[in-house]
Structure formats: structure tokens, C-alpha cells
Amino acid sequence: MLPLGPRLAVARLGGEQTLASGIILPAPDMRDAHVGLVSAVGTEHENGCPLEVAAGDRVLYSSRVDTFVVDDGTIDVVDENSVIGIL
């Protein structure tokens, strides 16, 4: 998936964890922010400036995002303005 405009496709990191015994540990509750790996970036801002985030960056971003289920799993589509920082 290639997002358009100043948007990023982000694979969320730090989900639930399954132990060898089959016990599922839920992810820690992060109501305000998420950590993810940027898989694709959009083209540019409306004024022609390039995006500051690149594919492969680990980012901390706001929890207000659009989430889509695609063939490879779940992808968050994040506006670059929702990125709090690059980790």
C-alpha cells in the first residue's frame, strides 16, 4: 500500500505476545500513543516539501489513526503531523 499526500503506512509494533505454553499476554495499554515501523511514505506535502519520515523508521505516533486490514496484516495510516517522534 502506498499512501497519498503527507501520510505514512505504519505497522504497529508491541502487540500481544504468545508464550510457548500458549498463554497470550495482552499488549500494554497505550491510550495516547503507539510505536510502529514505517513501511511506506506518501509523496509530499501540498506545498511541495518532502516528508521528514522515511520508510524503515521506528516512530512514536498519536493513537488517532485510521486502521486497515490488508493481505499482510493490519496497517495504520498516519498523517505525518500525528508523528510525535522518530525513535
Protein backbone atom coordinates (compact mmCIF):
# COMPACT_ATOMS: atom_id res chain seq x y z
CA MET A 1 0.00 0.00 0.00
CA LEU A 2 1.36 3.41 -0.98
CA PRO A 3 -0.30 6.26 0.92
CA LEU A 4 -1.04 9.55 -0.84
CA GLY A 5 -0.02 13.01 0.32
CA PRO A 6 1.67 13.52 3.69
CA ARG A 7 0.60 10.13 5.07
CA LEU A 8 2.53 7.09 6.26
CA ALA A 9 1.70 3.37 6.25
CA VAL A 10 2.83 2.06 9.64
CA ALA A 11 2.96 -1.50 11.01
CA ARG A 12 2.24 -1.26 14.72
CA LEU A 13 4.86 -2.84 17.00
CA GLY A 14 4.48 -4.23 20.51
CA GLY A 15 1.27 -6.17 20.15
CA GLU A 16 0.17 -9.11 22.23
CA GLN A 17 2.70 -11.80 22.99
CA THR A 18 2.11 -15.58 22.97
CA LEU A 19 4.22 -17.71 25.29
CA ALA A 20 5.44 -21.20 24.36
CA SER A 21 2.78 -22.62 26.67
CA GLY A 22 0.05 -20.90 24.62
CA ILE A 23 -0.74 -18.20 27.16
CA ILE A 24 -1.47 -14.86 25.47
CA LEU A 25 -0.18 -11.75 27.21
CA PRO A 26 -2.05 -8.61 26.10
CA ALA A 27 -0.14 -5.55 24.93
CA PRO A 28 0.41 -2.84 27.49
CA ASP A 29 -2.39 -0.29 27.32
CA MET A 30 -1.16 2.74 25.38
CA ARG A 31 -4.19 5.02 25.10
CA ASP A 32 -2.29 8.08 23.92
CA ALA A 33 0.45 6.80 21.60
CA HIS A 34 1.70 3.83 19.57
CA VAL A 35 5.09 2.66 18.31
CA GLY A 36 5.38 1.37 14.76
CA LEU A 37 7.65 0.72 11.81
CA VAL A 38 7.05 2.88 8.72
CA SER A 39 6.56 0.59 5.72
CA ALA A 40 5.73 3.26 3.10
CA VAL A 41 5.54 7.04 2.86
CA GLY A 42 3.36 9.26 0.73
CA THR A 43 4.54 11.70 -1.88
CA GLU A 44 4.93 15.16 -0.33
CA HIS A 45 3.13 17.99 1.43
CA GLU A 46 0.76 20.23 -0.56
CA ASN A 47 3.44 22.95 -0.64
CA GLY A 48 5.94 20.55 -2.26
CA CYS A 49 8.12 19.95 0.83
CA PRO A 50 9.30 16.35 1.24
CA LEU A 51 8.26 14.27 4.24
CA GLU A 52 10.63 14.14 7.22
CA VAL A 53 9.91 10.46 7.96
CA ALA A 54 11.32 7.70 5.73
CA ALA A 55 10.40 4.06 5.20
CA GLY A 56 12.13 1.89 7.80
CA ASP A 57 11.95 4.50 10.60
CA ARG A 58 10.58 3.47 14.01
CA VAL A 59 8.12 6.16 15.09
CA LEU A 60 6.01 7.12 18.08
CA TYR A 61 2.64 8.37 16.89
CA SER A 62 -0.72 9.53 18.19
CA SER A 63 -3.43 6.93 18.73
CA ARG A 64 -5.85 8.85 16.48
CA VAL A 65 -5.21 6.98 13.22
CA ASP A 66 -7.08 5.03 10.56
CA THR A 67 -6.50 1.27 10.75
CA PHE A 68 -6.97 -1.01 7.75
CA VAL A 69 -6.73 -4.77 7.34
CA VAL A 70 -4.76 -5.74 4.23
CA ASP A 71 -3.31 -9.02 2.94
CA ASP A 72 -0.15 -8.66 5.02
CA GLY A 73 -1.96 -7.83 8.26
CA THR A 74 -3.09 -4.61 9.89
CA ILE A 75 -1.74 -1.23 8.73
CA ASP A 76 -2.19 2.14 10.43
CA VAL A 77 -2.42 5.10 8.06
CA VAL A 78 -0.91 8.04 9.91
CA ASP A 79 -0.77 11.71 8.93
CA GLU A 80 2.80 12.96 9.29
CA ASN A 81 1.55 15.61 11.72
CA SER A 82 0.47 12.79 14.08
CA VAL A 83 4.05 11.53 14.41
CA ILE A 84 5.43 12.55 17.81
CA GLY A 85 8.99 11.47 17.12
CA ILE A 86 11.40 9.14 15.35
CA LEU A 87 12.90 6.55 17.70
